C-alpha atoms as a PDB file:
ATOM      1  CA  MET A   1    -143.829 171.059  81.230  1.00  0.00           C
ATOM      2  CA  PRO A   2    -143.884 167.240  81.271  1.00  0.00           C
ATOM      3  CA  ALA A   3    -146.919 165.598  82.864  1.00  0.00           C
ATOM      4  CA  LEU A   4    -146.628 162.469  84.995  1.00  0.00           C
ATOM      5  CA  ALA A   5    -149.730 160.444  85.852  1.00  0.00           C
ATOM      6  CA  LEU A   6    -149.744 158.624  89.195  1.00  0.00           C
ATOM      7  CA  LEU A   7    -152.023 155.667  89.820  1.00  0.00           C
ATOM      8  CA  HIS A   8    -152.819 155.427  93.549  1.00  0.00           C
ATOM      9  CA  THR A   9    -154.963 153.069  95.592  1.00  0.00           C
ATOM     10  CA  SER A  10    -155.381 155.571  98.440  1.00  0.00           C
ATOM     11  CA  PRO A  11    -156.142 159.314  98.389  1.00  0.00           C
ATOM     12  CA  ALA A  12    -153.647 159.691 101.258  1.00  0.00           C
ATOM     13  CA  HIS A  13    -150.813 159.440  98.735  1.00  0.00           C
ATOM     14  CA  VAL A  14    -151.790 162.560  96.796  1.00  0.00           C
ATOM     15  CA  PRO A  15    -150.385 165.165  99.241  1.00  0.00           C
ATOM     16  CA  VAL A  16    -147.299 163.021  99.858  1.00  0.00           C
ATOM     17  CA  PHE A  17    -146.309 163.027  96.193  1.00  0.00           C
ATOM     18  CA  ASP A  18    -147.294 166.660  95.708  1.00  0.00           C
ATOM     19  CA  ALA A  19    -144.909 167.561  98.535  1.00  0.00           C
ATOM     20  CA  LEU A  20    -142.106 165.459  97.048  1.00  0.00           C
ATOM     21  CA  ARG A  21    -142.681 167.118  93.677  1.00  0.00           C
ATOM     22  CA  ASP A  22    -142.556 170.589  95.192  1.00  0.00           C
ATOM     23  CA  ARG A  23    -139.355 169.755  97.052  1.00  0.00           C
ATOM     24  CA  HIS A  24    -137.414 167.904  94.365  1.00  0.00           C
ATOM     25  CA  HIS A  25    -139.110 168.294  90.966  1.00  0.00           C
ATOM     26  CA  PRO A  26    -140.568 171.808  90.611  1.00  0.00           C
ATOM     27  CA  GLY A  27    -142.290 172.282  87.302  1.00  0.00           C
ATOM     28  CA  LEU A  28    -143.365 168.645  87.002  1.00  0.00           C
ATOM     29  CA  GLU A  29    -147.115 168.346  86.502  1.00  0.00           C
ATOM     30  CA  LEU A  30    -148.657 165.490  88.477  1.00  0.00           C
ATOM     31  CA  ARG A  31    -151.993 164.020  87.456  1.00  0.00           C
ATOM     32  CA  HIS A  32    -153.388 161.828  90.212  1.00  0.00           C
ATOM     33  CA  VAL A  33    -155.673 158.868  89.518  1.00  0.00           C
ATOM     34  CA  VAL A  34    -157.060 157.356  92.726  1.00  0.00           C
ATOM     35  CA  ALA A  35    -158.690 153.921  92.576  1.00  0.00           C
ATOM     36  CA  PRO A  36    -158.961 152.246  96.029  1.00  0.00           C
ATOM     37  CA  GLU A  37    -160.934 149.387  94.501  1.00  0.00           C
ATOM     38  CA  LEU A  38    -157.766 148.108  92.822  1.00  0.00           C
ATOM     39  CA  LEU A  39    -156.149 147.279  96.157  1.00  0.00           C
ATOM     40  CA  ASP A  40    -159.407 145.850  97.493  1.00  0.00           C
ATOM     41  CA  GLY A  41    -159.594 143.550  94.494  1.00  0.00           C
ATOM     42  CA  ALA A  42    -155.930 142.587  94.671  1.00  0.00           C
ATOM     43  CA  ARG A  43    -156.273 141.650  98.332  1.00  0.00           C
ATOM     44  CA  GLU A  44    -159.384 139.561  97.721  1.00  0.00           C
ATOM     45  CA  HIS A  45    -158.654 137.981  94.344  1.00  0.00           C
ATOM     46  CA  GLY A  46    -154.954 138.545  93.675  1.00  0.00           C
ATOM     47  CA  PRO A  47    -153.205 141.270  91.636  1.00  0.00           C
ATOM     48  CA  ALA A  48    -153.681 139.472  88.298  1.00  0.00           C
ATOM     49  CA  ALA A  49    -157.460 139.723  88.674  1.00  0.00           C
ATOM     50  CA  MET A  50    -157.170 143.508  88.440  1.00  0.00           C
ATOM     51  CA  ALA A  51    -155.120 143.528  85.219  1.00  0.00           C
ATOM     52  CA  GLY A  52    -157.973 144.676  82.977  1.00  0.00           C
ATOM     53  CA  GLU A  53    -158.962 147.615  85.168  1.00  0.00           C
ATOM     54  CA  VAL A  54    -155.347 148.623  85.760  1.00  0.00           C
ATOM     55  CA  ALA A  55    -154.681 148.562  82.002  1.00  0.00           C
ATOM     56  CA  ARG A  56    -157.755 150.703  81.348  1.00  0.00           C
ATOM     57  CA  LEU A  57    -156.716 153.378  83.836  1.00  0.00           C
ATOM     58  CA  VAL A  58    -153.099 153.417  82.675  1.00  0.00           C
ATOM     59  CA  ARG A  59    -154.121 153.747  79.018  1.00  0.00           C
ATOM     60  CA  GLU A  60    -156.570 156.538  79.853  1.00  0.00           C
ATOM     61  CA  ALA A  61    -153.800 158.425  81.639  1.00  0.00           C
ATOM     62  CA  ALA A  62    -151.514 158.110  78.624  1.00  0.00           C
ATOM     63  CA  GLU A  63    -154.273 159.102  76.217  1.00  0.00           C
ATOM     64  CA  GLY A  64    -154.855 162.150  78.397  1.00  0.00           C
ATOM     65  CA  GLY A  65    -151.364 163.405  77.611  1.00  0.00           C
ATOM     66  CA  ALA A  66    -149.179 161.970  80.375  1.00  0.00           C
ATOM     67  CA  ALA A  67    -145.567 161.520  79.291  1.00  0.00           C
ATOM     68  CA  ALA A  68    -145.194 158.610  81.748  1.00  0.00           C
ATOM     69  CA  VAL A  69    -147.338 156.700  84.247  1.00  0.00           C
ATOM     70  CA  LEU A  70    -146.226 155.724  87.746  1.00  0.00           C
ATOM     71  CA  CYS A  71    -148.062 153.085  89.799  1.00  0.00           C
ATOM     72  CA  THR A  72    -147.595 153.826  93.500  1.00  0.00           C
ATOM     73  CA  CYS A  73    -149.229 150.621  94.799  1.00  0.00           C
ATOM     74  CA  SER A  74    -146.799 147.752  95.309  1.00  0.00           C
ATOM     75  CA  SER A  75    -149.556 145.133  95.184  1.00  0.00           C
ATOM     76  CA  ILE A  76    -150.414 145.961  91.549  1.00  0.00           C
ATOM     77  CA  GLY A  77    -147.077 147.421  90.439  1.00  0.00           C
ATOM     78  CA  ALA A  78    -146.100 144.430  88.305  1.00  0.00           C
ATOM     79  CA  VAL A  79    -149.532 144.416  86.654  1.00  0.00           C
ATOM     80  CA  ALA A  80    -149.247 148.106  85.761  1.00  0.00           C
ATOM     81  CA  GLU A  81    -145.679 147.775  84.545  1.00  0.00           C
ATOM     82  CA  ALA A  82    -146.748 145.042  82.120  1.00  0.00           C
ATOM     83  CA  VAL A  83    -149.271 147.245  80.285  1.00  0.00           C
ATOM     84  CA  PRO A  84    -147.913 147.816  76.747  1.00  0.00           C
ATOM     85  CA  LEU A  85    -147.848 151.533  75.982  1.00  0.00           C
ATOM     86  CA  ALA A  86    -145.860 153.966  73.882  1.00  0.00           C
ATOM     87  CA  VAL A  87    -145.006 155.918  77.050  1.00  0.00           C
ATOM     88  CA  PRO A  88    -143.098 154.505  80.056  1.00  0.00           C
ATOM     89  CA  VAL A  89    -145.145 152.759  82.742  1.00  0.00           C
ATOM     90  CA  LEU A  90    -143.182 152.441  85.966  1.00  0.00           C
ATOM     91  CA  ARG A  91    -143.704 150.901  89.372  1.00  0.00           C
ATOM     92  CA  LEU A  92    -142.754 153.021  92.356  1.00  0.00           C
ATOM     93  CA  ASP A  93    -140.766 150.371  94.208  1.00  0.00           C
ATOM     94  CA  ARG A  94    -138.298 149.300  91.484  1.00  0.00           C
ATOM     95  CA  PRO A  95    -135.556 151.870  92.309  1.00  0.00           C
ATOM     96  CA  MET A  96    -135.845 150.946  96.002  1.00  0.00           C
ATOM     97  CA  ALA A  97    -135.546 147.252  95.141  1.00  0.00           C
ATOM     98  CA  ALA A  98    -132.470 147.886  93.021  1.00  0.00           C
ATOM     99  CA  GLU A  99    -130.814 149.728  95.907  1.00  0.00           C
ATOM    100  CA  ALA A 100    -131.700 146.967  98.380  1.00  0.00           C
ATOM    101  CA  VAL A 101    -130.057 144.217  96.346  1.00  0.00           C
ATOM    102  CA  ARG A 102    -127.078 146.448  95.616  1.00  0.00           C
ATOM    103  CA  LEU A 103    -126.523 146.725  99.373  1.00  0.00           C
ATOM    104  CA  GLY A 104    -126.895 142.937  99.608  1.00  0.00           C
ATOM    105  CA  GLY A 105    -126.980 140.576 102.576  1.00  0.00           C
ATOM    106  CA  ARG A 106    -130.189 139.657 104.362  1.00  0.00           C
ATOM    107  CA  VAL A 107    -132.958 141.811 102.909  1.00  0.00           C
ATOM    108  CA  VAL A 108    -136.178 141.720 104.919  1.00  0.00           C
ATOM    109  CA  VAL A 109    -139.365 143.179 103.447  1.00  0.00           C
ATOM    110  CA  LEU A 110    -141.932 144.597 105.848  1.00  0.00           C
ATOM    111  CA  GLY A 111    -145.498 144.900 104.595  1.00  0.00           C
ATOM    112  CA  THR A 112    -148.772 145.815 106.239  1.00  0.00           C
ATOM    113  CA  VAL A 113    -151.042 144.002 103.757  1.00  0.00           C
ATOM    114  CA  ALA A 114    -150.302 140.417 102.767  1.00  0.00           C
ATOM    115  CA  SER A 115    -150.984 141.073  99.073  1.00  0.00           C
ATOM    116  CA  THR A 116    -147.874 143.232  98.808  1.00  0.00           C
ATOM    117  CA  LEU A 117    -145.308 140.726 100.087  1.00  0.00           C
ATOM    118  CA  GLU A 118    -145.141 138.329  97.160  1.00  0.00           C
ATOM    119  CA  PRO A 119    -145.012 141.047  94.437  1.00  0.00           C
ATOM    120  CA  THR A 120    -142.311 142.929  96.333  1.00  0.00           C
ATOM    121  CA  LEU A 121    -140.222 139.817  96.922  1.00  0.00           C
ATOM    122  CA  ALA A 122    -140.592 138.834  93.270  1.00  0.00           C
ATOM    123  CA  LEU A 123    -139.357 142.274  92.253  1.00  0.00           C
ATOM    124  CA  LEU A 124    -136.362 141.998  94.569  1.00  0.00           C
ATOM    125  CA  ALA A 125    -135.524 138.566  93.170  1.00  0.00           C
ATOM    126  CA  GLU A 126    -135.754 139.993  89.650  1.00  0.00           C
ATOM    127  CA  GLU A 127    -133.433 142.882  90.510  1.00  0.00           C
ATOM    128  CA  ALA A 128    -131.032 140.511  92.268  1.00  0.00           C
ATOM    129  CA  ALA A 129    -130.938 138.249  89.223  1.00  0.00           C
ATOM    130  CA  ALA A 130    -130.213 141.254  87.019  1.00  0.00           C
ATOM    131  CA  LEU A 131    -127.421 142.287  89.361  1.00  0.00           C
ATOM    132  CA  GLY A 132    -126.025 138.774  89.134  1.00  0.00           C
ATOM    133  CA  ASP A 133    -126.105 138.989  85.331  1.00  0.00           C
ATOM    134  CA  ARG A 134    -124.029 142.147  85.587  1.00  0.00           C
ATOM    135  CA  GLY A 135    -121.292 140.236  87.401  1.00  0.00           C
ATOM    136  CA  ALA A 136    -122.194 140.144  91.102  1.00  0.00           C
ATOM    137  CA  ALA A 137    -121.135 136.953  92.851  1.00  0.00           C
ATOM    138  CA  ALA A 138    -123.992 134.732  93.997  1.00  0.00           C
ATOM    139  CA  PRO A 139    -123.500 132.359  96.935  1.00  0.00           C
ATOM    140  CA  ALA A 140    -124.819 128.837  96.511  1.00  0.00           C
ATOM    141  CA  ASP A 141    -127.473 129.212  99.189  1.00  0.00           C
ATOM    142  CA  SER A 142    -129.073 132.410  97.866  1.00  0.00           C
ATOM    143  CA  ARG A 143    -132.846 132.120  97.671  1.00  0.00           C
ATOM    144  CA  ALA A 144    -136.023 134.155  97.917  1.00  0.00           C
ATOM    145  CA  THR A 145    -138.337 133.405 100.822  1.00  0.00           C
ATOM    146  CA  VAL A 146    -141.991 134.462 100.775  1.00  0.00           C
ATOM    147  CA  LEU A 147    -143.858 134.435 104.060  1.00  0.00           C
ATOM    148  CA  ARG A 148    -147.623 134.084 103.869  1.00  0.00           C
ATOM    149  CA  ASP A 149    -149.433 134.275 107.182  1.00  0.00           C
ATOM    150  CA  GLY A 150    -146.282 133.175 108.939  1.00  0.00           C
ATOM    151  CA  ARG A 151    -145.541 130.210 106.650  1.00  0.00           C
ATOM    152  CA  ALA A 152    -142.535 130.109 104.347  1.00  0.00           C
ATOM    153  CA  ALA A 153    -142.434 129.079 100.710  1.00  0.00           C
ATOM    154  CA  VAL A 154    -139.451 129.104  98.347  1.00  0.00           C
ATOM    155  CA  PRO A 155    -140.252 129.852  94.672  1.00  0.00           C
ATOM    156  CA  ALA A 156    -138.845 127.207  92.338  1.00  0.00           C
ATOM    157  CA  ASP A 157    -137.158 129.623  89.941  1.00  0.00           C
ATOM    158  CA  ALA A 158    -136.085 132.699  91.885  1.00  0.00           C
ATOM    159  CA  PRO A 159    -132.401 133.347  91.178  1.00  0.00           C
ATOM    160  CA  THR A 160    -130.861 136.097  93.253  1.00  0.00           C
ATOM    161  CA  ALA A 161    -127.514 137.825  93.524  1.00  0.00           C
ATOM    162  CA  ALA A 162    -125.622 138.009  96.841  1.00  0.00           C
ATOM    163  CA  VAL A 163    -128.801 138.452  98.891  1.00  0.00           C
ATOM    164  CA  SER A 164    -131.333 136.433 100.811  1.00  0.00           C
ATOM    165  CA  LEU A 165    -134.913 137.664 100.783  1.00  0.00           C
ATOM    166  CA  GLU A 166    -137.621 137.379 103.413  1.00  0.00           C
ATOM    167  CA  GLY A 167    -141.025 138.977 103.844  1.00  0.00           C
ATOM    168  CA  ARG A 168    -142.770 139.726 107.113  1.00  0.00           C
ATOM    169  CA  LEU A 169    -146.238 141.093 107.760  1.00  0.00           C
ATOM    170  CA  VAL A 170    -146.580 143.803 110.416  1.00  0.00           C
ATOM    171  CA  GLU A 171    -149.552 142.323 112.201  1.00  0.00           C
ATOM    172  CA  GLY A 172    -152.343 144.712 113.123  1.00  0.00           C
ATOM    173  CA  ALA A 173    -150.847 147.723 111.371  1.00  0.00           C
ATOM    174  CA  TRP A 174    -153.255 147.822 108.439  1.00  0.00           C
ATOM    175  CA  GLU A 175    -156.251 147.806 110.757  1.00  0.00           C
ATOM    176  CA  ARG A 176    -154.873 150.999 112.299  1.00  0.00           C
ATOM    177  CA  TRP A 177    -154.481 152.553 108.855  1.00  0.00           C
ATOM    178  CA  GLU A 178    -158.051 151.686 107.920  1.00  0.00           C
ATOM    179  CA  ALA A 179    -159.264 153.157 111.222  1.00  0.00           C
ATOM    180  CA  GLY A 180    -157.526 156.444 110.429  1.00  0.00           C
ATOM    181  CA  ASP A 181    -154.874 155.957 113.106  1.00  0.00           C
ATOM    182  CA  THR A 182    -151.927 157.004 110.948  1.00  0.00           C
ATOM    183  CA  ALA A 183    -149.683 157.657 113.944  1.00  0.00           C
ATOM    184  CA  GLY A 184    -150.355 154.179 115.336  1.00  0.00           C
ATOM    185  CA  TYR A 185    -149.817 152.634 111.917  1.00  0.00           C
ATOM    186  CA  LEU A 186    -146.422 154.277 111.473  1.00  0.00           C
ATOM    187  CA  ALA A 187    -145.400 153.499 115.054  1.00  0.00           C
ATOM    188  CA  ALA A 188    -146.147 149.805 114.445  1.00  0.00           C
ATOM    189  CA  VAL A 189    -144.013 149.814 111.283  1.00  0.00           C
ATOM    190  CA  ALA A 190    -141.120 151.560 113.025  1.00  0.00           C
ATOM    191  CA  ALA A 191    -141.346 149.136 115.952  1.00  0.00           C
ATOM    192  CA  ALA A 192    -141.154 146.189 113.551  1.00  0.00           C
ATOM    193  CA  ALA A 193    -138.068 147.685 111.901  1.00  0.00           C
ATOM    194  CA  ASP A 194    -136.435 148.324 115.276  1.00  0.00           C
ATOM    195  CA  ALA A 195    -137.155 144.750 116.366  1.00  0.00           C
ATOM    196  CA  LEU A 196    -135.471 143.399 113.231  1.00  0.00           C
ATOM    197  CA  THR A 197    -132.407 145.516 113.874  1.00  0.00           C
ATOM    198  CA  ALA A 198    -132.248 144.547 117.551  1.00  0.00           C
ATOM    199  CA  SER A 199    -132.453 140.846 116.705  1.00  0.00           C
ATOM    200  CA  GLY A 200    -129.737 141.088 114.076  1.00  0.00           C
ATOM    201  CA  ALA A 201    -132.053 139.424 111.554  1.00  0.00           C
ATOM    202  CA  ALA A 202    -131.599 141.921 108.716  1.00  0.00           C
ATOM    203  CA  ASP A 203    -128.844 143.759 106.879  1.00  0.00           C
ATOM    204  CA  VAL A 204    -131.354 145.836 104.890  1.00  0.00           C
ATOM    205  CA  ILE A 205    -135.015 146.564 105.642  1.00  0.00           C
ATOM    206  CA  VAL A 206    -137.421 147.354 102.815  1.00  0.00           C
ATOM    207  CA  LEU A 207    -140.753 149.060 103.503  1.00  0.00           C
ATOM    208  CA  ALA A 208    -142.983 147.546 100.856  1.00  0.00           C
ATOM    209  CA  GLN A 209    -145.722 150.185 100.657  1.00  0.00           C
ATOM    210  CA  ALA A 210    -145.613 153.919 100.006  1.00  0.00           C
ATOM    211  CA  SER A 211    -147.833 154.496 103.047  1.00  0.00           C
ATOM    212  CA  MET A 212    -145.065 153.133 105.279  1.00  0.00           C
ATOM    213  CA  ALA A 213    -142.412 155.656 104.206  1.00  0.00           C
ATOM    214  CA  PRO A 214    -142.890 158.196 107.039  1.00  0.00           C
ATOM    215  CA  ALA A 215    -141.996 155.429 109.520  1.00  0.00           C
ATOM    216  CA  VAL A 216    -138.352 155.799 108.473  1.00  0.00           C
ATOM    217  CA  ALA A 217    -138.191 158.976 110.570  1.00  0.00           C
ATOM    218  CA  LEU A 218    -139.495 157.064 113.605  1.00  0.00           C
ATOM    219  CA  VAL A 219    -136.916 154.285 113.529  1.00  0.00           C
ATOM    220  CA  ARG A 220    -134.521 154.328 116.471  1.00  0.00           C
ATOM    221  CA  PRO A 221    -131.805 156.967 115.809  1.00  0.00           C
ATOM    222  CA  GLY A 222    -128.396 155.625 114.907  1.00  0.00           C
ATOM    223  CA  THR A 223    -129.665 152.259 113.661  1.00  0.00           C
ATOM    224  CA  PRO A 224    -126.940 150.548 111.611  1.00  0.00           C
ATOM    225  CA  VAL A 225    -129.427 148.844 109.284  1.00  0.00           C
ATOM    226  CA  PRO A 226    -130.610 150.832 106.235  1.00  0.00           C
ATOM    227  CA  VAL A 227    -134.389 151.230 106.111  1.00  0.00           C
ATOM    228  CA  LEU A 228    -135.487 151.891 102.531  1.00  0.00           C
ATOM    229  CA  SER A 229    -138.748 153.390 101.313  1.00  0.00           C
ATOM    230  CA  SER A 230    -140.064 153.884  97.800  1.00  0.00           C
ATOM    231  CA  PRO A 231    -141.683 157.312  97.244  1.00  0.00           C
ATOM    232  CA  ALA A 232    -138.660 159.593  96.730  1.00  0.00           C
ATOM    233  CA  PRO A 233    -136.533 157.330  94.475  1.00  0.00           C
ATOM    234  CA  GLY A 234    -139.588 156.095  92.591  1.00  0.00           C
ATOM    235  CA  LEU A 235    -140.851 159.584  91.834  1.00  0.00           C
ATOM    236  CA  ALA A 236    -137.348 160.655  90.762  1.00  0.00           C
ATOM    237  CA  ALA A 237    -137.154 157.782  88.263  1.00  0.00           C
ATOM    238  CA  ALA A 238    -140.609 158.552  86.892  1.00  0.00           C
ATOM    239  CA  ALA A 239    -139.846 162.279  86.604  1.00  0.00           C
ATOM    240  CA  ALA A 240    -136.712 161.438  84.613  1.00  0.00           C
ATOM    241  CA  ALA A 241    -138.714 159.118  82.367  1.00  0.00           C
ATOM    242  CA  ALA A 242    -141.377 161.768  81.740  1.00  0.00           C
ATOM    243  CA  ALA A 243    -138.742 164.394  80.936  1.00  0.00           C
ATOM    244  CA  GLY A 244    -136.946 161.955  78.644  1.00  0.00           C
ATOM    245  CA  VAL A 245    -140.066 161.202  76.640  1.00  0.00           C
ATOM    246  CA  ARG A 246    -140.827 164.888  76.284  1.00  0.00           C
ATOM    247  CA  SER A 247    -137.273 165.660  75.159  1.00  0.00           C
ATOM    248  CA  ALA A 248    -137.342 162.838  72.630  1.00  0.00           C
ATOM    249  CA  GLY A 249    -140.653 164.071  71.265  1.00  0.00           C
ATOM    250  CA  ALA A 250    -139.374 167.622  71.020  1.00  0.00           C
ATOM    251  CA  GLY A 251    -136.327 166.434  69.135  1.00  0.00           C
ATOM    252  CA  THR A 252    -138.365 164.750  66.437  1.00  0.00           C
ATOM    253  CA  ALA A 253    -140.963 167.455  65.959  1.00  0.00           C
END
């Protein structure tokens, strides 16, 4: 059986991904690596400051026999993805980002920690640029907008396809998560998504963090705006990558 290593920054993600595996990928071995200090460091010093520790953990997972490594934290996803290894290293939110830009229009990213907004928006801009390279039309006013503490900044070189990108922090939600109030945390996320839909400010809503995914079920029924989360599509992509590596290795043995 292929083994997939998952790098988490919260132990709360372990049962979530085990349940997804049992439901959709029976037979896939998951090896969980939990390192909360990576998110703490990324929030305090920026994701790049954690590159050395992320690389160490990813390499250890590969050396331990994992056929692929999946980073489930959006704050450090780009850092993990950049680690050079012989096995695939994936970030959980890339398939979600690809789907968001495929849908197009006004894509609004909701995050509950500020450190996740810029990496997620950068990923969306990257996927939008790739979509544009594949032939999607890009309006002249397309741009990526990063909101930091309520202030907007436009990256100088952020080409996008037929989308506009915006990030918004769900104020107060993370404090509920840290206090163990998961229900309150998810309710705050769902309320933020409902408010976006009611205001007509978004054509697609992206939930930046894996911890936010259960809020999709709490969004007002019948909402016309897609609300995307990362765990299911991200795990599916990583499972396929792990199986592909194993098949390739078997073929050359």
